[in-house]
Structures are given as structure tokens and as C-alpha cells.
mmCIF file of all heavy atoms, coordinates in Angstrom:
data_MODEL
# 
_entry.id   MODEL 
# 
loop_
_atom_site.group_PDB 
_atom_site.id 
_atom_site.type_symbol 
_atom_site.label_atom_id 
_atom_site.label_alt_id 
_atom_site.label_comp_id 
_atom_site.label_asym_id 
_atom_site.label_entity_id 
_atom_site.label_seq_id 
_atom_site.pdbx_PDB_ins_code 
_atom_site.Cartn_x 
_atom_site.Cartn_y 
_atom_site.Cartn_z 
_atom_site.occupancy 
_atom_site.B_iso_or_equiv 
_atom_site.pdbx_formal_charge 
_atom_site.auth_seq_id 
_atom_site.auth_comp_id 
_atom_site.auth_asym_id 
_atom_site.auth_atom_id 
_atom_site.pdbx_PDB_model_num 
ATOM 1   N N   . ASN A 1 1  ? -9.993  7.768  -34.564 1.00 0.00 ? 1  ASN A N   1 
ATOM 2   C CA  . ASN A 1 1  ? -11.398 8.152  -34.493 1.00 0.00 ? 1  ASN A CA  1 
ATOM 3   C C   . ASN A 1 1  ? -12.022 7.863  -33.135 1.00 0.00 ? 1  ASN A C   1 
ATOM 4   O O   . ASN A 1 1  ? -13.151 8.297  -32.860 1.00 0.00 ? 1  ASN A O   1 
ATOM 5   C CB  . ASN A 1 1  ? -12.196 7.425  -35.584 1.00 0.00 ? 1  ASN A CB  1 
ATOM 6   C CG  . ASN A 1 1  ? -11.767 7.829  -36.971 1.00 0.00 ? 1  ASN A CG  1 
ATOM 7   O OD1 . ASN A 1 1  ? -11.515 8.999  -37.234 1.00 0.00 ? 1  ASN A OD1 1 
ATOM 8   N ND2 . ASN A 1 1  ? -11.633 6.866  -37.875 1.00 0.00 ? 1  ASN A ND2 1 
ATOM 9   N N   . VAL A 1 2  ? -11.324 7.124  -32.280 1.00 0.00 ? 2  VAL A N   1 
ATOM 10  C CA  . VAL A 1 2  ? -11.764 6.902  -30.903 1.00 0.00 ? 2  VAL A CA  1 
ATOM 11  C C   . VAL A 1 2  ? -10.985 7.807  -29.959 1.00 0.00 ? 2  VAL A C   1 
ATOM 12  O O   . VAL A 1 2  ? -11.533 8.360  -29.004 1.00 0.00 ? 2  VAL A O   1 
ATOM 13  C CB  . VAL A 1 2  ? -11.597 5.422  -30.499 1.00 0.00 ? 2  VAL A CB  1 
ATOM 14  C CG1 . VAL A 1 2  ? -12.193 5.184  -29.112 1.00 0.00 ? 2  VAL A CG1 1 
ATOM 15  C CG2 . VAL A 1 2  ? -12.241 4.502  -31.524 1.00 0.00 ? 2  VAL A CG2 1 
ATOM 16  N N   . PHE A 1 3  ? -9.705  7.973  -30.234 1.00 0.00 ? 3  PHE A N   1 
ATOM 17  C CA  . PHE A 1 3  ? -8.845  8.834  -29.425 1.00 0.00 ? 3  PHE A CA  1 
ATOM 18  C C   . PHE A 1 3  ? -9.386  10.256 -29.352 1.00 0.00 ? 3  PHE A C   1 
ATOM 19  O O   . PHE A 1 3  ? -9.509  10.840 -28.278 1.00 0.00 ? 3  PHE A O   1 
ATOM 20  C CB  . PHE A 1 3  ? -7.428  8.810  -30.014 1.00 0.00 ? 3  PHE A CB  1 
ATOM 21  C CG  . PHE A 1 3  ? -6.562  9.978  -29.636 1.00 0.00 ? 3  PHE A CG  1 
ATOM 22  C CD1 . PHE A 1 3  ? -6.175  10.177 -28.313 1.00 0.00 ? 3  PHE A CD1 1 
ATOM 23  C CD2 . PHE A 1 3  ? -6.113  10.876 -30.596 1.00 0.00 ? 3  PHE A CD2 1 
ATOM 24  C CE1 . PHE A 1 3  ? -5.366  11.251 -27.964 1.00 0.00 ? 3  PHE A CE1 1 
ATOM 25  C CE2 . PHE A 1 3  ? -5.303  11.939 -30.256 1.00 0.00 ? 3  PHE A CE2 1 
ATOM 26  C CZ  . PHE A 1 3  ? -4.930  12.139 -28.934 1.00 0.00 ? 3  PHE A CZ  1 
ATOM 27  N N   . ALA A 1 4  ? -9.718  10.834 -30.499 1.00 0.00 ? 4  ALA A N   1 
ATOM 28  C CA  . ALA A 1 4  ? -10.132 12.240 -30.538 1.00 0.00 ? 4  ALA A CA  1 
ATOM 29  C C   . ALA A 1 4  ? -11.418 12.512 -29.748 1.00 0.00 ? 4  ALA A C   1 
ATOM 30  O O   . ALA A 1 4  ? -11.461 13.441 -28.935 1.00 0.00 ? 4  ALA A O   1 
ATOM 31  C CB  . ALA A 1 4  ? -10.259 12.710 -31.979 1.00 0.00 ? 4  ALA A CB  1 
ATOM 32  N N   . PRO A 1 5  ? -12.490 11.725 -29.934 1.00 0.00 ? 5  PRO A N   1 
ATOM 33  C CA  . PRO A 1 5  ? -13.703 11.985 -29.143 1.00 0.00 ? 5  PRO A CA  1 
ATOM 34  C C   . PRO A 1 5  ? -13.487 11.828 -27.640 1.00 0.00 ? 5  PRO A C   1 
ATOM 35  O O   . PRO A 1 5  ? -14.184 12.468 -26.848 1.00 0.00 ? 5  PRO A O   1 
ATOM 36  C CB  . PRO A 1 5  ? -14.697 10.937 -29.668 1.00 0.00 ? 5  PRO A CB  1 
ATOM 37  C CG  . PRO A 1 5  ? -14.230 10.643 -31.056 1.00 0.00 ? 5  PRO A CG  1 
ATOM 38  C CD  . PRO A 1 5  ? -12.737 10.718 -30.989 1.00 0.00 ? 5  PRO A CD  1 
ATOM 39  N N   . PHE A 1 6  ? -12.530 10.969 -27.250 1.00 0.00 ? 6  PHE A N   1 
ATOM 40  C CA  . PHE A 1 6  ? -12.228 10.791 -25.826 1.00 0.00 ? 6  PHE A CA  1 
ATOM 41  C C   . PHE A 1 6  ? -11.790 12.101 -25.177 1.00 0.00 ? 6  PHE A C   1 
ATOM 42  O O   . PHE A 1 6  ? -12.033 12.328 -23.985 1.00 0.00 ? 6  PHE A O   1 
ATOM 43  C CB  . PHE A 1 6  ? -11.136 9.730  -25.680 1.00 0.00 ? 6  PHE A CB  1 
ATOM 44  C CG  . PHE A 1 6  ? -10.671 9.507  -24.266 1.00 0.00 ? 6  PHE A CG  1 
ATOM 45  C CD1 . PHE A 1 6  ? -11.403 8.715  -23.396 1.00 0.00 ? 6  PHE A CD1 1 
ATOM 46  C CD2 . PHE A 1 6  ? -9.498  10.088 -23.797 1.00 0.00 ? 6  PHE A CD2 1 
ATOM 47  C CE1 . PHE A 1 6  ? -10.980 8.511  -22.085 1.00 0.00 ? 6  PHE A CE1 1 
ATOM 48  C CE2 . PHE A 1 6  ? -9.066  9.890  -22.495 1.00 0.00 ? 6  PHE A CE2 1 
ATOM 49  C CZ  . PHE A 1 6  ? -9.813  9.103  -21.639 1.00 0.00 ? 6  PHE A CZ  1 
ATOM 50  N N   . LEU A 1 7  ? -11.162 12.987 -25.935 1.00 0.00 ? 7  LEU A N   1 
ATOM 51  C CA  . LEU A 1 7  ? -10.625 14.234 -25.393 1.00 0.00 ? 7  LEU A CA  1 
ATOM 52  C C   . LEU A 1 7  ? -11.678 15.321 -25.203 1.00 0.00 ? 7  LEU A C   1 
ATOM 53  O O   . LEU A 1 7  ? -11.412 16.333 -24.542 1.00 0.00 ? 7  LEU A O   1 
ATOM 54  C CB  . LEU A 1 7  ? -9.536  14.782 -26.330 1.00 0.00 ? 7  LEU A CB  1 
ATOM 55  C CG  . LEU A 1 7  ? -8.367  13.855 -26.685 1.00 0.00 ? 7  LEU A CG  1 
ATOM 56  C CD1 . LEU A 1 7  ? -7.399  14.574 -27.613 1.00 0.00 ? 7  LEU A CD1 1 
ATOM 57  C CD2 . LEU A 1 7  ? -7.648  13.370 -25.426 1.00 0.00 ? 7  LEU A CD2 1 
ATOM 58  N N   . ILE A 1 8  ? -12.865 15.136 -25.740 1.00 0.00 ? 8  ILE A N   1 
ATOM 59  C CA  . ILE A 1 8  ? -13.807 16.249 -25.837 1.00 0.00 ? 8  ILE A CA  1 
ATOM 60  C C   . ILE A 1 8  ? -14.495 16.586 -24.514 1.00 0.00 ? 8  ILE A C   1 
ATOM 61  O O   . ILE A 1 8  ? -14.656 17.771 -24.179 1.00 0.00 ? 8  ILE A O   1 
ATOM 62  C CB  . ILE A 1 8  ? -14.825 15.968 -26.955 1.00 0.00 ? 8  ILE A CB  1 
ATOM 63  C CG1 . ILE A 1 8  ? -14.099 15.954 -28.309 1.00 0.00 ? 8  ILE A CG1 1 
ATOM 64  C CG2 . ILE A 1 8  ? -15.944 17.011 -26.960 1.00 0.00 ? 8  ILE A CG2 1 
ATOM 65  C CD1 . ILE A 1 8  ? -14.960 15.575 -29.488 1.00 0.00 ? 8  ILE A CD1 1 
ATOM 66  N N   . LEU A 1 9  ? -14.879 15.593 -23.713 1.00 0.00 ? 9  LEU A N   1 
ATOM 67  C CA  . LEU A 1 9  ? -15.574 15.898 -22.454 1.00 0.00 ? 9  LEU A CA  1 
ATOM 68  C C   . LEU A 1 9  ? -14.737 16.782 -21.527 1.00 0.00 ? 9  LEU A C   1 
ATOM 69  O O   . LEU A 1 9  ? -15.236 17.822 -21.059 1.00 0.00 ? 9  LEU A O   1 
ATOM 70  C CB  . LEU A 1 9  ? -16.000 14.608 -21.746 1.00 0.00 ? 9  LEU A CB  1 
ATOM 71  C CG  . LEU A 1 9  ? -16.703 14.812 -20.397 1.00 0.00 ? 9  LEU A CG  1 
ATOM 72  C CD1 . LEU A 1 9  ? -17.989 15.606 -20.564 1.00 0.00 ? 9  LEU A CD1 1 
ATOM 73  C CD2 . LEU A 1 9  ? -16.989 13.469 -19.727 1.00 0.00 ? 9  LEU A CD2 1 
ATOM 74  N N   . PRO A 1 10 ? -13.486 16.448 -21.219 1.00 0.00 ? 10 PRO A N   1 
ATOM 75  C CA  . PRO A 1 10 ? -12.709 17.359 -20.354 1.00 0.00 ? 10 PRO A CA  1 
ATOM 76  C C   . PRO A 1 10 ? -12.477 18.720 -20.989 1.00 0.00 ? 10 PRO A C   1 
ATOM 77  O O   . PRO A 1 10 ? -12.365 19.728 -20.275 1.00 0.00 ? 10 PRO A O   1 
ATOM 78  C CB  . PRO A 1 10 ? -11.395 16.596 -20.127 1.00 0.00 ? 10 PRO A CB  1 
ATOM 79  C CG  . PRO A 1 10 ? -11.318 15.588 -21.205 1.00 0.00 ? 10 PRO A CG  1 
ATOM 80  C CD  . PRO A 1 10 ? -12.728 15.222 -21.530 1.00 0.00 ? 10 PRO A CD  1 
ATOM 81  N N   . ALA A 1 11 ? -12.420 18.774 -22.320 1.00 0.00 ? 11 ALA A N   1 
ATOM 82  C CA  . ALA A 1 11 ? -12.277 20.066 -22.990 1.00 0.00 ? 11 ALA A CA  1 
ATOM 83  C C   . ALA A 1 11 ? -13.497 20.941 -22.736 1.00 0.00 ? 11 ALA A C   1 
ATOM 84  O O   . ALA A 1 11 ? -13.373 22.162 -22.551 1.00 0.00 ? 11 ALA A O   1 
ATOM 85  C CB  . ALA A 1 11 ? -12.074 19.864 -24.489 1.00 0.00 ? 11 ALA A CB  1 
ATOM 86  N N   . MET A 1 12 ? -14.689 20.344 -22.703 1.00 0.00 ? 12 MET A N   1 
ATOM 87  C CA  . MET A 1 12 ? -15.903 21.135 -22.465 1.00 0.00 ? 12 MET A CA  1 
ATOM 88  C C   . MET A 1 12 ? -15.982 21.621 -21.020 1.00 0.00 ? 12 MET A C   1 
ATOM 89  O O   . MET A 1 12 ? -16.439 22.742 -20.755 1.00 0.00 ? 12 MET A O   1 
ATOM 90  C CB  . MET A 1 12 ? -17.156 20.304 -22.811 1.00 0.00 ? 12 MET A CB  1 
ATOM 91  C CG  . MET A 1 12 ? -17.261 19.926 -24.283 1.00 0.00 ? 12 MET A CG  1 
ATOM 92  S SD  . MET A 1 12 ? -17.086 21.326 -25.417 1.00 0.00 ? 12 MET A SD  1 
ATOM 93  C CE  . MET A 1 12 ? -15.433 21.047 -26.069 1.00 0.00 ? 12 MET A CE  1 
ATOM 94  N N   . PHE A 1 13 ? -15.536 20.815 -20.070 1.00 0.00 ? 13 PHE A N   1 
ATOM 95  C CA  . PHE A 1 13 ? -15.481 21.287 -18.684 1.00 0.00 ? 13 PHE A CA  1 
ATOM 96  C C   . PHE A 1 13 ? -14.465 22.421 -18.553 1.00 0.00 ? 13 PHE A C   1 
ATOM 97  O O   . PHE A 1 13 ? -14.689 23.387 -17.817 1.00 0.00 ? 13 PHE A O   1 
ATOM 98  C CB  . PHE A 1 13 ? -15.147 20.135 -17.735 1.00 0.00 ? 13 PHE A CB  1 
ATOM 99  C CG  . PHE A 1 13 ? -16.346 19.375 -17.264 1.00 0.00 ? 13 PHE A CG  1 
ATOM 100 C CD1 . PHE A 1 13 ? -16.729 18.199 -17.882 1.00 0.00 ? 13 PHE A CD1 1 
ATOM 101 C CD2 . PHE A 1 13 ? -17.107 19.834 -16.195 1.00 0.00 ? 13 PHE A CD2 1 
ATOM 102 C CE1 . PHE A 1 13 ? -17.842 17.494 -17.453 1.00 0.00 ? 13 PHE A CE1 1 
ATOM 103 C CE2 . PHE A 1 13 ? -18.221 19.139 -15.759 1.00 0.00 ? 13 PHE A CE2 1 
ATOM 104 C CZ  . PHE A 1 13 ? -18.601 17.969 -16.385 1.00 0.00 ? 13 PHE A CZ  1 
ATOM 105 N N   . ALA A 1 14 ? -13.339 22.309 -19.273 1.00 0.00 ? 14 ALA A N   1 
ATOM 106 C CA  . ALA A 1 14 ? -12.341 23.381 -19.250 1.00 0.00 ? 14 ALA A CA  1 
ATOM 107 C C   . ALA A 1 14 ? -12.910 24.656 -19.862 1.00 0.00 ? 14 ALA A C   1 
ATOM 108 O O   . ALA A 1 14 ? -12.712 25.760 -19.331 1.00 0.00 ? 14 ALA A O   1 
ATOM 109 C CB  . ALA A 1 14 ? -11.088 22.937 -19.996 1.00 0.00 ? 14 ALA A CB  1 
ATOM 110 N N   . LEU A 1 15 ? -13.637 24.521 -20.964 1.00 0.00 ? 15 LEU A N   1 
ATOM 111 C CA  . LEU A 1 15 ? -14.230 25.681 -21.614 1.00 0.00 ? 15 LEU A CA  1 
ATOM 112 C C   . LEU A 1 15 ? -15.217 26.379 -20.678 1.00 0.00 ? 15 LEU A C   1 
ATOM 113 O O   . LEU A 1 15 ? -15.254 27.619 -20.607 1.00 0.00 ? 15 LEU A O   1 
ATOM 114 C CB  . LEU A 1 15 ? -14.931 25.255 -22.905 1.00 0.00 ? 15 LEU A CB  1 
ATOM 115 C CG  . LEU A 1 15 ? -15.696 26.354 -23.657 1.00 0.00 ? 15 LEU A CG  1 
ATOM 116 C CD1 . LEU A 1 15 ? -14.764 27.494 -24.047 1.00 0.00 ? 15 LEU A CD1 1 
ATOM 117 C CD2 . LEU A 1 15 ? -16.387 25.769 -24.894 1.00 0.00 ? 15 LEU A CD2 1 
ATOM 118 N N   . GLN A 1 16 ? -16.008 25.614 -19.966 1.00 0.00 ? 16 GLN A N   1 
ATOM 119 C CA  . GLN A 1 16 ? -16.970 26.206 -19.036 1.00 0.00 ? 16 GLN A CA  1 
ATOM 120 C C   . GLN A 1 16 ? -16.253 27.005 -17.949 1.00 0.00 ? 16 GLN A C   1 
ATOM 121 O O   . GLN A 1 16 ? -16.698 28.097 -17.558 1.00 0.00 ? 16 GLN A O   1 
ATOM 122 C CB  . GLN A 1 16 ? -17.832 25.111 -18.395 1.00 0.00 ? 16 GLN A CB  1 
ATOM 123 C CG  . GLN A 1 16 ? -18.892 25.651 -17.452 1.00 0.00 ? 16 GLN A CG  1 
ATOM 124 C CD  . GLN A 1 16 ? -19.849 24.587 -16.973 1.00 0.00 ? 16 GLN A CD  1 
ATOM 125 O OE1 . GLN A 1 16 ? -21.018 24.560 -17.355 1.00 0.00 ? 16 GLN A OE1 1 
ATOM 126 N NE2 . GLN A 1 16 ? -19.364 23.698 -16.139 1.00 0.00 ? 16 GLN A NE2 1 
ATOM 127 N N   . ARG A 1 17 ? -15.129 26.504 -17.471 1.00 0.00 ? 17 ARG A N   1 
ATOM 128 C CA  . ARG A 1 17 ? -14.356 27.227 -16.457 1.00 0.00 ? 17 ARG A CA  1 
ATOM 129 C C   . ARG A 1 17 ? -13.773 28.512 -17.044 1.00 0.00 ? 17 ARG A C   1 
ATOM 130 O O   . ARG A 1 17 ? -13.710 29.539 -16.365 1.00 0.00 ? 17 ARG A O   1 
ATOM 131 C CB  . ARG A 1 17 ? -13.241 26.332 -15.912 1.00 0.00 ? 17 ARG A CB  1 
ATOM 132 C CG  . ARG A 1 17 ? -13.744 25.178 -15.070 1.00 0.00 ? 17 ARG A CG  1 
ATOM 133 C CD  . ARG A 1 17 ? -12.602 24.309 -14.563 1.00 0.00 ? 17 ARG A CD  1 
ATOM 134 N NE  . ARG A 1 17 ? -11.771 25.016 -13.604 1.00 0.00 ? 17 ARG A NE  1 
ATOM 135 C CZ  . ARG A 1 17 ? -12.035 25.134 -12.314 1.00 0.00 ? 17 ARG A CZ  1 
ATOM 136 N NH1 . ARG A 1 17 ? -13.128 24.576 -11.804 1.00 0.00 ? 17 ARG A NH1 1 
ATOM 137 N NH2 . ARG A 1 17 ? -11.218 25.788 -11.515 1.00 0.00 ? 17 ARG A NH2 1 
ATOM 138 N N   . VAL A 1 18 ? -13.342 28.448 -18.278 1.00 0.00 ? 18 VAL A N   1 
ATOM 139 C CA  . VAL A 1 18 ? -12.831 29.659 -18.940 1.00 0.00 ? 18 VAL A CA  1 
ATOM 140 C C   . VAL A 1 18 ? -13.914 30.729 -18.993 1.00 0.00 ? 18 VAL A C   1 
ATOM 141 O O   . VAL A 1 18 ? -13.661 31.922 -18.755 1.00 0.00 ? 18 VAL A O   1 
ATOM 142 C CB  . VAL A 1 18 ? -12.332 29.336 -20.362 1.00 0.00 ? 18 VAL A CB  1 
ATOM 143 C CG1 . VAL A 1 18 ? -12.016 30.613 -21.133 1.00 0.00 ? 18 VAL A CG1 1 
ATOM 144 C CG2 . VAL A 1 18 ? -11.100 28.441 -20.312 1.00 0.00 ? 18 VAL A CG2 1 
ATOM 145 N N   . LEU A 1 19 ? -15.133 30.325 -19.278 1.00 0.00 ? 19 LEU A N   1 
ATOM 146 C CA  . LEU A 1 19 ? -16.231 31.267 -19.450 1.00 0.00 ? 19 LEU A CA  1 
ATOM 147 C C   . LEU A 1 19 ? -16.713 31.889 -18.140 1.00 0.00 ? 19 LEU A C   1 
ATOM 148 O O   . LEU A 1 19 ? -17.178 33.022 -18.122 1.00 0.00 ? 19 LEU A O   1 
ATOM 149 C CB  . LEU A 1 19 ? -17.411 30.577 -20.137 1.00 0.00 ? 19 LEU A CB  1 
ATOM 150 C CG  . LEU A 1 19 ? -17.160 30.062 -21.564 1.00 0.00 ? 19 LEU A CG  1 
ATOM 151 C CD1 . LEU A 1 19 ? -18.353 29.261 -22.052 1.00 0.00 ? 19 LEU A CD1 1 
ATOM 152 C CD2 . LEU A 1 19 ? -16.854 31.211 -22.512 1.00 0.00 ? 19 LEU A CD2 1 
ATOM 153 N N   . LEU A 1 20 ? -16.592 31.141 -17.039 1.00 0.00 ? 20 LEU A N   1 
ATOM 154 C CA  . LEU A 1 20 ? -17.211 31.588 -15.788 1.00 0.00 ? 20 LEU A CA  1 
ATOM 155 C C   . LEU A 1 20 ? -16.230 32.008 -14.702 1.00 0.00 ? 20 LEU A C   1 
ATOM 156 O O   . LEU A 1 20 ? -16.637 32.629 -13.718 1.00 0.00 ? 20 LEU A O   1 
ATOM 157 C CB  . LEU A 1 20 ? -18.127 30.484 -15.237 1.00 0.00 ? 20 LEU A CB  1 
ATOM 158 C CG  . LEU A 1 20 ? -19.360 30.157 -16.095 1.00 0.00 ? 20 LEU A CG  1 
ATOM 159 C CD1 . LEU A 1 20 ? -20.130 28.984 -15.507 1.00 0.00 ? 20 LEU A CD1 1 
ATOM 160 C CD2 . LEU A 1 20 ? -20.270 31.374 -16.217 1.00 0.00 ? 20 LEU A CD2 1 
ATOM 161 N N   . LEU A 1 21 ? -14.960 31.643 -14.841 1.00 0.00 ? 21 LEU A N   1 
ATOM 162 C CA  . LEU A 1 21 ? -13.982 31.988 -13.812 1.00 0.00 ? 21 LEU A CA  1 
ATOM 163 C C   . LEU A 1 21 ? -13.055 33.097 -14.296 1.00 0.00 ? 21 LEU A C   1 
ATOM 164 O O   . LEU A 1 21 ? -13.060 33.471 -15.471 1.00 0.00 ? 21 LEU A O   1 
ATOM 165 C CB  . LEU A 1 21 ? -13.167 30.745 -13.421 1.00 0.00 ? 21 LEU A CB  1 
ATOM 166 C CG  . LEU A 1 21 ? -13.955 29.606 -12.778 1.00 0.00 ? 21 LEU A CG  1 
ATOM 167 C CD1 . LEU A 1 21 ? -13.026 28.454 -12.429 1.00 0.00 ? 21 LEU A CD1 1 
ATOM 168 C CD2 . LEU A 1 21 ? -14.707 30.066 -11.539 1.00 0.00 ? 21 LEU A CD2 1 
ATOM 169 N N   . ARG A 1 22 ? -12.249 33.596 -13.377 1.00 0.00 ? 22 ARG A N   1 
ATOM 170 C CA  . ARG A 1 22 ? -11.304 34.651 -13.717 1.00 0.00 ? 22 ARG A CA  1 
ATOM 171 C C   . ARG A 1 22 ? -9.935  34.322 -13.137 1.00 0.00 ? 22 ARG A C   1 
ATOM 172 O O   . ARG A 1 22 ? -9.796  33.461 -12.278 1.00 0.00 ? 22 ARG A O   1 
ATOM 173 C CB  . ARG A 1 22 ? -11.781 35.999 -13.164 1.00 0.00 ? 22 ARG A CB  1 
ATOM 174 C CG  . ARG A 1 22 ? -13.124 36.431 -13.724 1.00 0.00 ? 22 ARG A CG  1 
ATOM 175 C CD  . ARG A 1 22 ? -13.522 37.804 -13.234 1.00 0.00 ? 22 ARG A CD  1 
ATOM 176 N NE  . ARG A 1 22 ? -14.824 38.196 -13.768 1.00 0.00 ? 22 ARG A NE  1 
ATOM 177 C CZ  . ARG A 1 22 ? -15.362 39.394 -13.612 1.00 0.00 ? 22 ARG A CZ  1 
ATOM 178 N NH1 . ARG A 1 22 ? -14.710 40.321 -12.925 1.00 0.00 ? 22 ARG A NH1 1 
ATOM 179 N NH2 . ARG A 1 22 ? -16.548 39.681 -14.134 1.00 0.00 ? 22 ARG A NH2 1 
ATOM 180 N N   . GLY A 1 23 ? -8.921  35.026 -13.618 1.00 0.00 ? 23 GLY A N   1 
ATOM 181 C CA  . GLY A 1 23 ? -7.578  34.855 -13.079 1.00 0.00 ? 23 GLY A CA  1 
ATOM 182 C C   . GLY A 1 23 ? -6.940  33.547 -13.508 1.00 0.00 ? 23 GLY A C   1 
ATOM 183 O O   . GLY A 1 23 ? -7.239  32.996 -14.577 1.00 0.00 ? 23 GLY A O   1 
ATOM 184 N N   . TRP A 1 24 ? -6.050  33.044 -12.641 1.00 0.00 ? 24 TRP A N   1 
ATOM 185 C CA  . TRP A 1 24 ? -5.300  31.836 -12.977 1.00 0.00 ? 24 TRP A CA  1 
ATOM 186 C C   . TRP A 1 24 ? -6.160  30.612 -13.254 1.00 0.00 ? 24 TRP A C   1 
ATOM 187 O O   . TRP A 1 24 ? -5.842  29.831 -14.153 1.00 0.00 ? 24 TRP A O   1 
ATOM 188 C CB  . TRP A 1 24 ? -4.285  31.533 -11.872 1.00 0.00 ? 24 TRP A CB  1 
ATOM 189 C CG  . TRP A 1 24 ? -3.054  32.384 -11.982 1.00 0.00 ? 24 TRP A CG  1 
ATOM 190 C CD1 . TRP A 1 24 ? -2.675  33.419 -11.174 1.00 0.00 ? 24 TRP A CD1 1 
ATOM 191 C CD2 . TRP A 1 24 ? -2.049  32.286 -13.000 1.00 0.00 ? 24 TRP A CD2 1 
ATOM 192 N NE1 . TRP A 1 24 ? -1.509  33.971 -11.623 1.00 0.00 ? 24 TRP A NE1 1 
ATOM 193 C CE2 . TRP A 1 24 ? -1.088  33.301 -12.735 1.00 0.00 ? 24 TRP A CE2 1 
ATOM 194 C CE3 . TRP A 1 24 ? -1.864  31.456 -14.107 1.00 0.00 ? 24 TRP A CE3 1 
ATOM 195 C CZ2 . TRP A 1 24 ? 0.029   33.490 -13.529 1.00 0.00 ? 24 TRP A CZ2 1 
ATOM 196 C CZ3 . TRP A 1 24 ? -0.753  31.636 -14.904 1.00 0.00 ? 24 TRP A CZ3 1 
ATOM 197 C CH2 . TRP A 1 24 ? 0.180   32.643 -14.620 1.00 0.00 ? 24 TRP A CH2 1 
ATOM 198 N N   . PRO A 1 25 ? -7.249  30.374 -12.499 1.00 0.00 ? 25 PRO A N   1 
ATOM 199 C CA  . PRO A 1 25 ? -8.094  29.213 -12.832 1.00 0.00 ? 25 PRO A CA  1 
ATOM 200 C C   . PRO A 1 25 ? -8.591  29.239 -14.278 1.00 0.00 ? 25 PRO A C   1 
ATOM 201 O O   . PRO A 1 25 ? -8.606  28.210 -14.957 1.00 0.00 ? 25 PRO A O   1 
ATOM 202 C CB  . PRO A 1 25 ? -9.256  29.319 -11.836 1.00 0.00 ? 25 PRO A CB  1 
ATOM 203 C CG  . PRO A 1 25 ? -8.666  30.038 -10.670 1.00 0.00 ? 25 PRO A CG  1 
ATOM 204 C CD  . PRO A 1 25 ? -7.722  31.042 -11.260 1.00 0.00 ? 25 PRO A CD  1 
ATOM 205 N N   . ALA A 1 26 ? -8.983  30.430 -14.763 1.00 0.00 ? 26 ALA A N   1 
ATOM 206 C CA  . ALA A 1 26 ? -9.449  30.538 -16.149 1.00 0.00 ? 26 ALA A CA  1 
ATOM 207 C C   . ALA A 1 26 ? -8.303  30.353 -17.132 1.00 0.00 ? 26 ALA A C   1 
ATOM 208 O O   . ALA A 1 26 ? -8.462  29.730 -18.189 1.00 0.00 ? 26 ALA A O   1 
ATOM 209 C CB  . ALA A 1 26 ? -10.114 31.894 -16.367 1.00 0.00 ? 26 ALA A CB  1 
ATOM 210 N N   . ILE A 1 27 ? -7.117  30.875 -16.799 1.00 0.00 ? 27 ILE A N   1 
ATOM 211 C CA  . ILE A 1 27 ? -5.950  30.747 -17.684 1.00 0.00 ? 27 ILE A CA  1 
ATOM 212 C C   . ILE A 1 27 ? -5.525  29.285 -17.800 1.00 0.00 ? 27 ILE A C   1 
ATOM 213 O O   . ILE A 1 27 ? -5.247  28.779 -18.897 1.00 0.00 ? 27 ILE A O   1 
ATOM 214 C CB  . ILE A 1 27 ? -4.790  31.613 -17.165 1.00 0.00 ? 27 ILE A CB  1 
ATOM 215 C CG1 . ILE A 1 27 ? -5.152  33.095 -17.281 1.00 0.00 ? 27 ILE A CG1 1 
ATOM 216 C CG2 . ILE A 1 27 ? -3.505  31.313 -17.936 1.00 0.00 ? 27 ILE A CG2 1 
ATOM 217 C CD1 . ILE A 1 27 ? -4.165  34.022 -16.618 1.00 0.00 ? 27 ILE A CD1 1 
# 
């Protein structure tokens, strides 16, 4: 229950890059 929430912040930064970038950076 501590491990899982730790993963969420970098996942949200990754999601933002997926939404706004193109090509290999988004992939």
C-alpha cells in the first residue's frame, strides 16, 4: 500500500508526455 502510490507521480509525468509529444519520446 506504500509501494503502489510511490509509482504514481512518474506515471503522471509520463502520461503528460504521451499526450503532448510525438514520435519516440511519446512511445
